[in-house]
Structures are given as C-alpha cells and as structure tokens.
C-alpha cells in the first residue's frame, strides 16, 4: 500500500467544507486551497511527516513479523 496516494479528508476552518487530498500532495506542499470558499488551509507538515514515518515503520515491522511467521510453518 502506497500511503502517499491515500486520501486524507480535510475540513476547511472557514466554511466547514470537507474535501480530500492525497497524503503525498500534502507532504510536498502543506498549503491547500479550499474548493468551497478558496481559503488557504495550512497543514502542519512536520506532524504529517512524523505520522507517515511512524506508519511506515509499523508497516515494516508487521511485514517482518509476517515473514517470520511464514518461515516457521
């Protein structure tokens, strides 16, 4: 699963419109224009990067565990 292609649902703080953008897009440029009102919505990029890195580490650990389980069979 490529996390950067996964959509993240956002909510505009100005008009409350909900919309989705791919995680990779937000990681590359954390400022998004609301499709409803045009307000610029700023995502905390460092927090997003940290969360993505944590998920990637968890995915790698899960893969190692599954591979180890399969080898014991």
PDB file of N, CA and C in Angstrom:
ATOM      1  N   UNK A   1       0.845  -1.173   0.000  1.00  0.00           N
ATOM      2  CA  UNK A   1       0.000   0.000   0.000  1.00  0.00           C
ATOM      3  C   UNK A   1       0.893   1.241   0.000  1.00  0.00           C
ATOM      4  N   UNK A   2       0.693   2.095  -0.959  1.00  0.00           N
ATOM      5  CA  UNK A   2       1.439   3.341  -1.059  1.00  0.00           C
ATOM      6  C   UNK A   2       0.675   4.423  -0.298  1.00  0.00           C
ATOM      7  N   UNK A   3       1.192   4.772   0.872  1.00  0.00           N
ATOM      8  CA  UNK A   3       0.492   5.744   1.723  1.00  0.00           C
ATOM      9  C   UNK A   3       0.386   7.117   1.089  1.00  0.00           C
ATOM     10  N   UNK A   4       1.350   7.485   0.274  1.00  0.00           N
ATOM     11  CA  UNK A   4       1.330   8.824  -0.306  1.00  0.00           C
ATOM     12  C   UNK A   4       0.156   9.017  -1.262  1.00  0.00           C
ATOM     13  N   UNK A   5      -0.405   7.919  -1.772  1.00  0.00           N
ATOM     14  CA  UNK A   5      -1.558   8.010  -2.660  1.00  0.00           C
ATOM     15  C   UNK A   5      -2.882   7.980  -1.904  1.00  0.00           C
ATOM     16  N   UNK A   6      -2.829   7.661  -0.627  1.00  0.00           N
ATOM     17  CA  UNK A   6      -4.051   7.560   0.168  1.00  0.00           C
ATOM     18  C   UNK A   6      -4.635   8.943   0.443  1.00  0.00           C
ATOM     19  N   UNK A   7      -5.947   9.077   0.307  1.00  0.00           N
ATOM     20  CA  UNK A   7      -6.562  10.384   0.547  1.00  0.00           C
ATOM     21  C   UNK A   7      -6.718  10.687   2.039  1.00  0.00           C
ATOM     22  N   UNK A   8      -6.545  11.942   2.355  1.00  0.00           N
ATOM     23  CA  UNK A   8      -6.771  12.427   3.711  1.00  0.00           C
ATOM     24  C   UNK A   8      -7.928  13.407   3.638  1.00  0.00           C
ATOM     25  N   UNK A   9      -8.931  13.193   4.473  1.00  0.00           N
ATOM     26  CA  UNK A   9     -10.084  14.102   4.475  1.00  0.00           C
ATOM     27  C   UNK A   9      -9.749  15.326   5.309  1.00  0.00           C
ATOM     28  N   UNK A  10      -9.985  16.475   4.729  1.00  0.00           N
ATOM     29  CA  UNK A  10      -9.736  17.754   5.386  1.00  0.00           C
ATOM     30  C   UNK A  10     -11.055  18.503   5.541  1.00  0.00           C
ATOM     31  N   UNK A  11     -11.059  19.434   6.468  1.00  0.00           N
ATOM     32  CA  UNK A  11     -12.248  20.274   6.667  1.00  0.00           C
ATOM     33  C   UNK A  11     -11.771  21.722   6.744  1.00  0.00           C
ATOM     34  N   UNK A  12     -12.318  22.544   5.883  1.00  0.00           N
ATOM     35  CA  UNK A  12     -11.940  23.953   5.843  1.00  0.00           C
ATOM     36  C   UNK A  12     -12.372  24.644   7.137  1.00  0.00           C
ATOM     37  N   UNK A  13     -11.456  25.354   7.788  1.00  0.00           N
ATOM     38  CA  UNK A  13     -11.829  26.055   9.023  1.00  0.00           C
ATOM     39  C   UNK A  13     -12.721  27.275   8.763  1.00  0.00           C
ATOM     40  N   UNK A  14     -12.746  27.757   7.536  1.00  0.00           N
ATOM     41  CA  UNK A  14     -13.551  28.942   7.220  1.00  0.00           C
ATOM     42  C   UNK A  14     -15.000  28.596   6.875  1.00  0.00           C
ATOM     43  N   UNK A  15     -15.202  27.590   5.989  1.00  0.00           N
ATOM     44  CA  UNK A  15     -16.567  27.287   5.529  1.00  0.00           C
ATOM     45  C   UNK A  15     -17.064  25.893   5.929  1.00  0.00           C
ATOM     46  N   UNK A  16     -16.203  25.104   6.549  1.00  0.00           N
ATOM     47  CA  UNK A  16     -16.516  23.750   7.034  1.00  0.00           C
ATOM     48  C   UNK A  16     -16.716  22.724   5.912  1.00  0.00           C
ATOM     49  N   UNK A  17     -16.369  23.078   4.670  1.00  0.00           N
ATOM     50  CA  UNK A  17     -16.467  22.112   3.573  1.00  0.00           C
ATOM     51  C   UNK A  17     -15.430  21.008   3.782  1.00  0.00           C
ATOM     52  N   UNK A  18     -15.858  19.768   3.571  1.00  0.00           N
ATOM     53  CA  UNK A  18     -14.950  18.627   3.655  1.00  0.00           C
ATOM     54  C   UNK A  18     -14.481  18.283   2.251  1.00  0.00           C
ATOM     55  N   UNK A  19     -13.191  17.976   2.130  1.00  0.00           N
ATOM     56  CA  UNK A  19     -12.616  17.578   0.851  1.00  0.00           C
ATOM     57  C   UNK A  19     -11.413  16.688   1.102  1.00  0.00           C
ATOM     58  N   UNK A  20     -10.984  15.968   0.076  1.00  0.00           N
ATOM     59  CA  UNK A  20      -9.881  15.015   0.229  1.00  0.00           C
ATOM     60  C   UNK A  20      -8.716  15.398  -0.666  1.00  0.00           C
ATOM     61  N   UNK A  21      -7.515  15.145  -0.157  1.00  0.00           N
ATOM     62  CA  UNK A  21      -6.277  15.333  -0.918  1.00  0.00           C
ATOM     63  C   UNK A  21      -5.349  14.165  -0.590  1.00  0.00           C
ATOM     64  N   UNK A  22      -4.541  13.723  -1.544  1.00  0.00           N
ATOM     65  CA  UNK A  22      -3.598  12.633  -1.275  1.00  0.00           C
ATOM     66  C   UNK A  22      -2.532  13.064  -0.266  1.00  0.00           C
ATOM     67  N   UNK A  23      -2.130  12.134   0.581  1.00  0.00           N
ATOM     68  CA  UNK A  23      -1.117  12.438   1.599  1.00  0.00           C
ATOM     69  C   UNK A  23       0.173  12.962   0.971  1.00  0.00           C
ATOM     70  N   UNK A  24       0.577  12.383  -0.150  1.00  0.00           N
ATOM     71  CA  UNK A  24       1.804  12.823  -0.807  1.00  0.00           C
ATOM     72  C   UNK A  24       1.737  14.279  -1.228  1.00  0.00           C
ATOM     73  N   UNK A  25       0.576  14.718  -1.664  1.00  0.00           N
ATOM     74  CA  UNK A  25       0.387  16.120  -2.069  1.00  0.00           C
ATOM     75  C   UNK A  25       0.561  17.035  -0.866  1.00  0.00           C
ATOM     76  N   UNK A  26       0.017  16.621   0.263  1.00  0.00           N
ATOM     77  CA  UNK A  26       0.115  17.427   1.480  1.00  0.00           C
ATOM     78  C   UNK A  26       1.533  17.446   2.013  1.00  0.00           C
ATOM     79  N   UNK A  27       2.227  16.337   1.870  1.00  0.00           N
ATOM     80  CA  UNK A  27       3.611  16.244   2.326  1.00  0.00           C
ATOM     81  C   UNK A  27       4.499  17.174   1.502  1.00  0.00           C
ATOM     82  N   UNK A  28       4.248  17.245   0.202  1.00  0.00           N
ATOM     83  CA  UNK A  28       5.050  18.075  -0.685  1.00  0.00           C
ATOM     84  C   UNK A  28       4.746  19.566  -0.504  1.00  0.00           C
ATOM     85  N   UNK A  29       3.481  19.900  -0.329  1.00  0.00           N
ATOM     86  CA  UNK A  29       3.063  21.298  -0.177  1.00  0.00           C
ATOM     87  C   UNK A  29       1.897  21.333   0.794  1.00  0.00           C
ATOM     88  N   UNK A  30       2.143  21.751   2.031  1.00  0.00           N
ATOM     89  CA  UNK A  30       1.101  21.679   3.057  1.00  0.00           C
ATOM     90  C   UNK A  30       0.031  22.769   2.981  1.00  0.00           C
ATOM     91  N   UNK A  31       0.048  23.605   1.957  1.00  0.00           N
ATOM     92  CA  UNK A  31      -0.979  24.633   1.820  1.00  0.00           C
ATOM     93  C   UNK A  31      -1.949  24.220   0.716  1.00  0.00           C
ATOM     94  N   UNK A  32      -3.211  24.103   1.065  1.00  0.00           N
ATOM     95  CA  UNK A  32      -4.257  23.651   0.148  1.00  0.00           C
ATOM     96  C   UNK A  32      -5.325  24.731   0.040  1.00  0.00           C
ATOM     97  N   UNK A  33      -5.799  24.965  -1.167  1.00  0.00           N
ATOM     98  CA  UNK A  33      -6.898  25.923  -1.373  1.00  0.00           C
ATOM     99  C   UNK A  33      -8.221  25.177  -1.253  1.00  0.00           C
ATOM    100  N   UNK A  34      -9.100  25.649  -0.388  1.00  0.00           N
ATOM    101  CA  UNK A  34     -10.414  25.039  -0.210  1.00  0.00           C
ATOM    102  C   UNK A  34     -11.199  25.156  -1.506  1.00  0.00           C
ATOM    103  N   UNK A  35     -11.751  24.034  -1.983  1.00  0.00           N
ATOM    104  CA  UNK A  35     -12.545  24.091  -3.210  1.00  0.00           C
ATOM    105  C   UNK A  35     -13.902  24.776  -3.003  1.00  0.00           C
ATOM    106  N   UNK A  36     -14.286  24.987  -1.770  1.00  0.00           N
ATOM    107  CA  UNK A  36     -15.568  25.622  -1.489  1.00  0.00           C
ATOM    108  C   UNK A  36     -15.494  27.133  -1.456  1.00  0.00           C
ATOM    109  N   UNK A  37     -14.577  27.670  -0.659  1.00  0.00           N
ATOM    110  CA  UNK A  37     -14.531  29.116  -0.464  1.00  0.00           C
ATOM    111  C   UNK A  37     -13.230  29.765  -0.922  1.00  0.00           C
ATOM    112  N   UNK A  38     -12.226  28.946  -1.262  1.00  0.00           N
ATOM    113  CA  UNK A  38     -10.954  29.495  -1.714  1.00  0.00           C
ATOM    114  C   UNK A  38      -9.975  29.821  -0.599  1.00  0.00           C
ATOM    115  N   UNK A  39     -10.378  29.611   0.638  1.00  0.00           N
ATOM    116  CA  UNK A  39      -9.496  29.856   1.789  1.00  0.00           C
ATOM    117  C   UNK A  39      -8.272  28.942   1.678  1.00  0.00           C
ATOM    118  N   UNK A  40      -7.100  29.470   2.052  1.00  0.00           N
ATOM    119  CA  UNK A  40      -5.900  28.646   2.081  1.00  0.00           C
ATOM    120  C   UNK A  40      -5.845  27.915   3.412  1.00  0.00           C
ATOM    121  N   UNK A  41      -5.790  26.607   3.347  1.00  0.00           N
ATOM    122  CA  UNK A  41      -5.754  25.753   4.534  1.00  0.00           C
ATOM    123  C   UNK A  41      -4.325  25.246   4.668  1.00  0.00           C
ATOM    124  N   UNK A  42      -3.701  25.511   5.812  1.00  0.00           N
ATOM    125  CA  UNK A  42      -2.314  25.119   6.042  1.00  0.00           C
ATOM    126  C   UNK A  42      -2.279  23.890   6.953  1.00  0.00           C
ATOM    127  N   UNK A  43      -1.622  22.849   6.469  1.00  0.00           N
ATOM    128  CA  UNK A  43      -1.455  21.619   7.237  1.00  0.00           C
ATOM    129  C   UNK A  43      -0.093  21.679   7.926  1.00  0.00           C
ATOM    130  N   UNK A  44      -0.020  21.192   9.151  1.00  0.00           N
ATOM    131  CA  UNK A  44       1.265  21.160   9.853  1.00  0.00           C
ATOM    132  C   UNK A  44       2.101  20.033   9.250  1.00  0.00           C
ATOM    133  N   UNK A  45       2.971  20.393   8.324  1.00  0.00           N
ATOM    134  CA  UNK A  45       3.732  19.429   7.529  1.00  0.00           C
ATOM    135  C   UNK A  45       4.636  18.538   8.384  1.00  0.00           C
ATOM    136  N   UNK A  46       5.267  19.092   9.403  1.00  0.00           N
ATOM    137  CA  UNK A  46       6.171  18.277  10.219  1.00  0.00           C
ATOM    138  C   UNK A  46       5.411  17.180  10.940  1.00  0.00           C
ATOM    139  N   UNK A  47       4.235  17.491  11.455  1.00  0.00           N
ATOM    140  CA  UNK A  47       3.407  16.482  12.110  1.00  0.00           C
ATOM    141  C   UNK A  47       2.970  15.404  11.142  1.00  0.00           C
ATOM    142  N   UNK A  48       2.630  15.818   9.928  1.00  0.00           N
ATOM    143  CA  UNK A  48       2.229  14.864   8.891  1.00  0.00           C
ATOM    144  C   UNK A  48       3.399  13.948   8.526  1.00  0.00           C
ATOM    145  N   UNK A  49       4.581  14.531   8.343  1.00  0.00           N
ATOM    146  CA  UNK A  49       5.765  13.720   8.008  1.00  0.00           C
ATOM    147  C   UNK A  49       6.082  12.728   9.120  1.00  0.00           C
ATOM    148  N   UNK A  50       6.002  13.171  10.363  1.00  0.00           N
ATOM    149  CA  UNK A  50       6.279  12.292  11.505  1.00  0.00           C
ATOM    150  C   UNK A  50       5.281  11.141  11.561  1.00  0.00           C
ATOM    151  N   UNK A  51       4.008  11.447  11.349  1.00  0.00           N
ATOM    152  CA  UNK A  51       2.979  10.404  11.374  1.00  0.00           C
ATOM    153  C   UNK A  51       3.191   9.403  10.242  1.00  0.00           C
ATOM    154  N   UNK A  52       3.511   9.884   9.040  1.00  0.00           N
ATOM    155  CA  UNK A  52       3.765   8.985   7.905  1.00  0.00           C
ATOM    156  C   UNK A  52       4.976   8.094   8.174  1.00  0.00           C
ATOM    157  N   UNK A  53       6.024   8.667   8.751  1.00  0.00           N
ATOM    158  CA  UNK A  53       7.221   7.886   9.061  1.00  0.00           C
ATOM    159  C   UNK A  53       6.895   6.800  10.088  1.00  0.00           C
ATOM    160  N   UNK A  54       6.086   7.132  11.075  1.00  0.00           N
ATOM    161  CA  UNK A  54       5.692   6.160  12.088  1.00  0.00           C
ATOM    162  C   UNK A  54       4.887   5.017  11.473  1.00  0.00           C
ATOM    163  N   UNK A  55       3.969   5.340  10.572  1.00  0.00           N
ATOM    164  CA  UNK A  55       3.169   4.308   9.910  1.00  0.00           C
ATOM    165  C   UNK A  55       4.065   3.423   9.049  1.00  0.00           C
ATOM    166  N   UNK A  56       5.022   4.012   8.345  1.00  0.00           N
ATOM    167  CA  UNK A  56       5.940   3.228   7.517  1.00  0.00           C
ATOM    168  C   UNK A  56       6.765   2.267   8.378  1.00  0.00           C
ATOM    169  N   UNK A  57       7.217   2.724   9.546  1.00  0.00           N
ATOM    170  CA  UNK A  57       7.969   1.840  10.449  1.00  0.00           C
ATOM    171  C   UNK A  57       7.089   0.698  10.937  1.00  0.00           C
ATOM    172  N   UNK A  58       5.839   1.004  11.250  1.00  0.00           N
ATOM    173  CA  UNK A  58       4.904  -0.036  11.697  1.00  0.00           C
ATOM    174  C   UNK A  58       4.632  -1.045  10.588  1.00  0.00           C
ATOM    175  N   UNK A  59       4.498  -0.565   9.352  1.00  0.00           N
ATOM    176  CA  UNK A  59       4.295  -1.472   8.214  1.00  0.00           C
ATOM    177  C   UNK A  59       5.491  -2.409   8.049  1.00  0.00           C
ATOM    178  N   UNK A  60       6.697  -1.867   8.194  1.00  0.00           N
ATOM    179  CA  UNK A  60       7.903  -2.676   8.045  1.00  0.00           C
ATOM    180  C   UNK A  60       7.985  -3.732   9.154  1.00  0.00           C
ATOM    181  N   UNK A  61       7.639  -3.345  10.378  1.00  0.00           N
ATOM    182  CA  UNK A  61       7.659  -4.290  11.497  1.00  0.00           C
ATOM    183  C   UNK A  61       6.627  -5.391  11.289  1.00  0.00           C
ATOM    184  N   UNK A  62       5.454  -5.043  10.804  1.00  0.00           N
ATOM    185  CA  UNK A  62       4.414  -6.031  10.538  1.00  0.00           C
ATOM    186  C   UNK A  62       4.859  -6.999   9.448  1.00  0.00           C
ATOM    187  N   UNK A  63       5.486  -6.480   8.405  1.00  0.00           N
ATOM    188  CA  UNK A  63       5.969  -7.337   7.325  1.00  0.00           C
ATOM    189  C   UNK A  63       7.015  -8.316   7.846  1.00  0.00           C
ATOM    190  N   UNK A  64       7.929  -7.829   8.692  1.00  0.00           N
ATOM    191  CA  UNK A  64       8.953  -8.724   9.272  1.00  0.00           C
ATOM    192  C   UNK A  64       8.302  -9.811  10.116  1.00  0.00           C
ATOM    193  N   UNK A  65       7.296  -9.448  10.896  1.00  0.00           N
ATOM    194  CA  UNK A  65       6.608 -10.423  11.744  1.00  0.00           C
ATOM    195  C   UNK A  65       5.898 -11.478  10.901  1.00  0.00           C
ATOM    196  N   UNK A  66       5.227 -11.039   9.829  1.00  0.00           N
ATOM    197  CA  UNK A  66       4.523 -11.971   8.953  1.00  0.00           C
ATOM    198  C   UNK A  66       5.530 -12.882   8.255  1.00  0.00           C
ATOM    199  N   UNK A  67       6.618 -12.312   7.769  1.00  0.00           N
ATOM    200  CA  UNK A  67       7.657 -13.121   7.105  1.00  0.00           C
ATOM    201  C   UNK A  67       8.234 -14.150   8.069  1.00  0.00           C
ATOM    202  N   UNK A  68       8.462 -13.753   9.323  1.00  0.00           N
ATOM    203  CA  UNK A  68       8.985 -14.678  10.316  1.00  0.00           C
ATOM    204  C   UNK A  68       7.999 -15.779  10.641  1.00  0.00           C
ATOM    205  N   UNK A  69       6.729 -15.455  10.702  1.00  0.00           N
ATOM    206  CA  UNK A  69       5.692 -16.438  10.954  1.00  0.00           C
ATOM    207  C   UNK A  69       5.629 -17.448   9.803  1.00  0.00           C
ATOM    208  N   UNK A  70       5.699 -16.957   8.567  1.00  0.00           N
ATOM    209  CA  UNK A  70       5.641 -17.827   7.400  1.00  0.00           C
ATOM    210  C   UNK A  70       6.837 -18.771   7.323  1.00  0.00           C
ATOM    211  N   UNK A  71       7.997 -18.340   7.819  1.00  0.00           N
ATOM    212  CA  UNK A  71       9.187 -19.186   7.783  1.00  0.00           C
ATOM    213  C   UNK A  71       9.096 -20.331   8.792  1.00  0.00           C
ATOM    214  N   UNK A  72       8.328 -20.137   9.879  1.00  0.00           N
ATOM    215  CA  UNK A  72       8.208 -21.172  10.913  1.00  0.00           C
ATOM    216  C   UNK A  72       7.260 -22.287  10.498  1.00  0.00           C
ATOM    217  N   UNK A  73       6.458 -22.072   9.490  1.00  0.00           N
ATOM    218  CA  UNK A  73       5.487 -23.099   9.079  1.00  0.00           C
ATOM    219  C   UNK A  73       6.163 -24.256   8.402  1.00  0.00           C
TER     220      UNK A  73
END
